[in-house]
Amino acid sequence: MGIKSWLSKLSFRTGVMVLLMCVPFYIISFAQMALPISASLKGVLWVIFFGLAKTAQYGGLTILGAEGIKRIKAYWKKSRKQTAN
């Protein structure tokens, strides 16, 4: 069983949660640049957290699949219409 087929068997909610996890990883990957630590350590931390962010992003998209993304877009459009009224 491949990784892609295993991930696609996970639930929609799991996909959304994994996809949302990329946001804090992106924030941490760039926010750590403000810490008073050496440049080499900053580079290592950036690679780790940016890698985690990309992994969460692509993993979440793989779990959701095309139908899950359509579901999210439909929800987003519906919520925008409600706030506009």
N, C-alpha and C. Protein backbone atom coordinates (compact mmCIF):
# COMPACT_ATOMS: atom_id res chain seq x y z
N MET A 1 0.85 -1.18 0.00
CA MET A 1 0.00 0.00 0.00
C MET A 1 0.90 1.24 0.00
N GLY A 2 0.64 2.13 -0.93
CA GLY A 2 1.45 3.35 -1.04
C GLY A 2 1.00 4.41 -0.06
N ILE A 3 1.86 5.38 0.13
CA ILE A 3 1.56 6.48 1.06
C ILE A 3 0.36 7.28 0.59
N LYS A 4 0.29 7.54 -0.72
CA LYS A 4 -0.81 8.34 -1.25
C LYS A 4 -2.16 7.64 -1.02
N SER A 5 -2.21 6.35 -1.24
CA SER A 5 -3.48 5.63 -1.03
C SER A 5 -3.83 5.57 0.45
N TRP A 6 -2.82 5.45 1.30
CA TRP A 6 -3.08 5.42 2.75
C TRP A 6 -3.61 6.78 3.22
N LEU A 7 -2.99 7.87 2.73
CA LEU A 7 -3.44 9.20 3.12
C LEU A 7 -4.84 9.50 2.62
N SER A 8 -5.17 9.02 1.43
CA SER A 8 -6.49 9.32 0.87
C SER A 8 -7.60 8.60 1.61
N LYS A 9 -7.28 7.62 2.41
CA LYS A 9 -8.30 6.92 3.21
C LYS A 9 -8.64 7.65 4.51
N LEU A 10 -7.86 8.66 4.85
CA LEU A 10 -8.14 9.40 6.08
C LEU A 10 -9.33 10.32 5.86
N SER A 11 -9.95 10.76 6.95
CA SER A 11 -11.19 11.53 6.87
C SER A 11 -10.97 12.97 6.41
N PHE A 12 -12.05 13.60 6.01
CA PHE A 12 -12.04 15.00 5.60
C PHE A 12 -11.55 15.89 6.74
N ARG A 13 -12.05 15.64 7.93
CA ARG A 13 -11.66 16.44 9.09
C ARG A 13 -10.16 16.34 9.36
N THR A 14 -9.62 15.15 9.22
CA THR A 14 -8.18 14.96 9.41
C THR A 14 -7.41 15.76 8.37
N GLY A 15 -7.87 15.76 7.13
CA GLY A 15 -7.22 16.53 6.08
C GLY A 15 -7.21 18.01 6.37
N VAL A 16 -8.34 18.51 6.87
CA VAL A 16 -8.43 19.94 7.19
C VAL A 16 -7.48 20.28 8.34
N MET A 17 -7.43 19.43 9.35
CA MET A 17 -6.55 19.69 10.49
C MET A 17 -5.08 19.66 10.07
N VAL A 18 -4.71 18.70 9.24
CA VAL A 18 -3.31 18.63 8.77
C VAL A 18 -2.99 19.85 7.92
N LEU A 19 -3.93 20.25 7.07
CA LEU A 19 -3.73 21.43 6.24
C LEU A 19 -3.59 22.69 7.08
N LEU A 20 -4.37 22.81 8.14
CA LEU A 20 -4.28 23.98 9.02
C LEU A 20 -2.97 24.00 9.83
N MET A 21 -2.38 22.85 10.03
CA MET A 21 -1.12 22.80 10.77
C MET A 21 0.02 23.47 10.02
N CYS A 22 -0.13 23.66 8.71
CA CYS A 22 0.95 24.32 7.99
C CYS A 22 1.06 25.79 8.37
N VAL A 23 -0.02 26.41 8.81
CA VAL A 23 0.00 27.83 9.16
C VAL A 23 0.96 28.11 10.32
N PRO A 24 0.83 27.42 11.47
CA PRO A 24 1.79 27.72 12.55
C PRO A 24 3.24 27.38 12.17
N PHE A 25 3.43 26.34 11.35
CA PHE A 25 4.79 26.00 10.94
C PHE A 25 5.39 27.10 10.07
N TYR A 26 4.59 27.67 9.17
CA TYR A 26 5.08 28.80 8.36
C TYR A 26 5.41 29.99 9.25
N ILE A 27 4.55 30.29 10.21
CA ILE A 27 4.78 31.42 11.11
C ILE A 27 6.06 31.21 11.91
N ILE A 28 6.23 30.02 12.46
CA ILE A 28 7.43 29.74 13.26
C ILE A 28 8.68 29.80 12.39
N SER A 29 8.58 29.29 11.15
CA SER A 29 9.78 29.26 10.29
C SER A 29 10.32 30.66 10.01
N PHE A 30 9.43 31.65 9.93
CA PHE A 30 9.91 33.00 9.68
C PHE A 30 10.07 33.81 10.96
N ALA A 31 9.26 33.55 11.98
CA ALA A 31 9.35 34.31 13.23
C ALA A 31 10.65 34.01 13.99
N GLN A 32 11.19 32.82 13.82
CA GLN A 32 12.42 32.48 14.55
C GLN A 32 13.60 33.31 14.07
N MET A 33 13.47 33.97 12.92
CA MET A 33 14.55 34.83 12.43
C MET A 33 14.79 36.02 13.36
N ALA A 34 13.78 36.38 14.15
CA ALA A 34 13.92 37.51 15.07
C ALA A 34 14.62 37.12 16.38
N LEU A 35 14.86 35.84 16.59
CA LEU A 35 15.51 35.40 17.83
C LEU A 35 16.99 35.74 17.81
N PRO A 36 17.55 36.03 18.98
CA PRO A 36 18.98 36.37 19.05
C PRO A 36 19.86 35.11 19.10
N ILE A 37 19.88 34.36 18.02
CA ILE A 37 20.70 33.15 17.93
C ILE A 37 21.58 33.25 16.68
N SER A 38 22.51 32.33 16.56
CA SER A 38 23.46 32.39 15.43
C SER A 38 22.75 32.18 14.09
N ALA A 39 23.37 32.69 13.06
CA ALA A 39 22.79 32.60 11.72
C ALA A 39 22.68 31.16 11.24
N SER A 40 23.65 30.34 11.60
CA SER A 40 23.60 28.94 11.17
C SER A 40 22.43 28.20 11.84
N LEU A 41 22.20 28.48 13.12
CA LEU A 41 21.07 27.86 13.81
C LEU A 41 19.75 28.36 13.24
N LYS A 42 19.70 29.63 12.88
CA LYS A 42 18.49 30.18 12.24
C LYS A 42 18.21 29.46 10.93
N GLY A 43 19.26 29.20 10.17
CA GLY A 43 19.09 28.49 8.91
C GLY A 43 18.59 27.08 9.11
N VAL A 44 19.13 26.40 10.10
CA VAL A 44 18.70 25.03 10.39
C VAL A 44 17.24 25.02 10.84
N LEU A 45 16.87 25.94 11.73
CA LEU A 45 15.48 26.01 12.19
C LEU A 45 14.54 26.36 11.05
N TRP A 46 14.96 27.25 10.16
CA TRP A 46 14.12 27.61 9.03
C TRP A 46 13.87 26.40 8.14
N VAL A 47 14.92 25.64 7.85
CA VAL A 47 14.77 24.45 7.00
C VAL A 47 13.83 23.45 7.65
N ILE A 48 13.97 23.23 8.95
CA ILE A 48 13.12 22.27 9.65
C ILE A 48 11.66 22.71 9.63
N PHE A 49 11.39 23.94 10.06
CA PHE A 49 10.00 24.38 10.17
C PHE A 49 9.35 24.63 8.80
N PHE A 50 10.11 25.13 7.84
CA PHE A 50 9.57 25.31 6.49
C PHE A 50 9.27 23.96 5.86
N GLY A 51 10.14 22.99 6.12
CA GLY A 51 9.90 21.62 5.63
C GLY A 51 8.66 21.02 6.26
N LEU A 52 8.48 21.23 7.55
CA LEU A 52 7.27 20.75 8.22
C LEU A 52 6.02 21.41 7.65
N ALA A 53 6.12 22.70 7.35
CA ALA A 53 4.98 23.43 6.78
C ALA A 53 4.62 22.86 5.41
N LYS A 54 5.60 22.65 4.57
CA LYS A 54 5.34 22.10 3.24
C LYS A 54 4.81 20.68 3.32
N THR A 55 5.35 19.89 4.24
CA THR A 55 4.87 18.53 4.42
C THR A 55 3.41 18.52 4.86
N ALA A 56 3.06 19.38 5.81
CA ALA A 56 1.67 19.47 6.27
C ALA A 56 0.76 19.97 5.15
N GLN A 57 1.24 20.92 4.37
CA GLN A 57 0.44 21.47 3.28
C GLN A 57 0.14 20.39 2.24
N TYR A 58 1.15 19.72 1.74
CA TYR A 58 0.94 18.73 0.70
C TYR A 58 0.26 17.47 1.25
N GLY A 59 0.56 17.13 2.49
CA GLY A 59 -0.13 15.99 3.11
C GLY A 59 -1.61 16.26 3.27
N GLY A 60 -1.96 17.47 3.72
CA GLY A 60 -3.37 17.83 3.86
C GLY A 60 -4.09 17.85 2.53
N LEU A 61 -3.44 18.38 1.51
CA LEU A 61 -4.05 18.39 0.18
C LEU A 61 -4.23 16.98 -0.37
N THR A 62 -3.30 16.10 -0.08
CA THR A 62 -3.42 14.71 -0.53
C THR A 62 -4.55 14.01 0.20
N ILE A 63 -4.69 14.26 1.49
CA ILE A 63 -5.78 13.65 2.26
C ILE A 63 -7.12 14.15 1.75
N LEU A 64 -7.24 15.45 1.51
CA LEU A 64 -8.51 16.03 1.06
C LEU A 64 -8.87 15.58 -0.35
N GLY A 65 -7.92 15.60 -1.23
CA GLY A 65 -8.20 15.25 -2.61
C GLY A 65 -9.00 16.35 -3.30
N ALA A 66 -9.35 16.11 -4.55
CA ALA A 66 -10.06 17.11 -5.34
C ALA A 66 -11.45 17.39 -4.79
N GLU A 67 -12.14 16.36 -4.33
CA GLU A 67 -13.50 16.55 -3.81
C GLU A 67 -13.49 17.34 -2.51
N GLY A 68 -12.52 17.09 -1.67
CA GLY A 68 -12.41 17.83 -0.41
C GLY A 68 -12.12 19.30 -0.64
N ILE A 69 -11.29 19.58 -1.62
CA ILE A 69 -10.97 20.98 -1.93
C ILE A 69 -12.20 21.68 -2.47
N LYS A 70 -12.99 20.98 -3.30
CA LYS A 70 -14.25 21.56 -3.78
C LYS A 70 -15.19 21.85 -2.61
N ARG A 71 -15.21 20.97 -1.63
CA ARG A 71 -16.05 21.17 -0.44
C ARG A 71 -15.62 22.41 0.33
N ILE A 72 -14.33 22.59 0.49
CA ILE A 72 -13.81 23.76 1.21
C ILE A 72 -14.14 25.04 0.45
N LYS A 73 -13.95 25.02 -0.86
CA LYS A 73 -14.25 26.21 -1.68
C LYS A 73 -15.73 26.56 -1.58
N ALA A 74 -16.61 25.56 -1.62
CA ALA A 74 -18.05 25.81 -1.52
C ALA A 74 -18.40 26.41 -0.16
N TYR A 75 -17.79 25.91 0.90
CA TYR A 75 -18.03 26.44 2.24
C TYR A 75 -17.55 27.88 2.32
N TRP A 76 -16.37 28.15 1.73
CA TRP A 76 -15.79 29.49 1.76
C TRP A 76 -16.70 30.48 1.04
N LYS A 77 -17.20 30.09 -0.14
CA LYS A 77 -18.09 30.97 -0.90
C LYS A 77 -19.38 31.23 -0.14
N LYS A 78 -19.93 30.19 0.50
CA LYS A 78 -21.17 30.33 1.26
C LYS A 78 -20.98 31.27 2.44
N SER A 79 -19.86 31.14 3.14
CA SER A 79 -19.62 32.00 4.31
C SER A 79 -19.36 33.44 3.88
N ARG A 80 -18.76 33.65 2.71
CA ARG A 80 -18.53 35.01 2.21
C ARG A 80 -19.84 35.68 1.85
N LYS A 81 -20.77 34.93 1.28
CA LYS A 81 -22.07 35.49 0.92
C LYS A 81 -22.84 35.90 2.17
N GLN A 82 -22.74 35.09 3.22
CA GLN A 82 -23.45 35.40 4.46
C GLN A 82 -22.89 36.65 5.14
N THR A 83 -21.59 36.85 5.09
CA THR A 83 -21.00 38.04 5.72
C THR A 83 -21.24 39.29 4.88
N ALA A 84 -21.42 39.12 3.57
CA ALA A 84 -21.67 40.26 2.71
C ALA A 84 -23.11 40.81 2.90
N ASN A 85 -24.03 39.93 3.29
CA ASN A 85 -25.43 40.36 3.47
C ASN A 85 -25.67 41.03 4.77
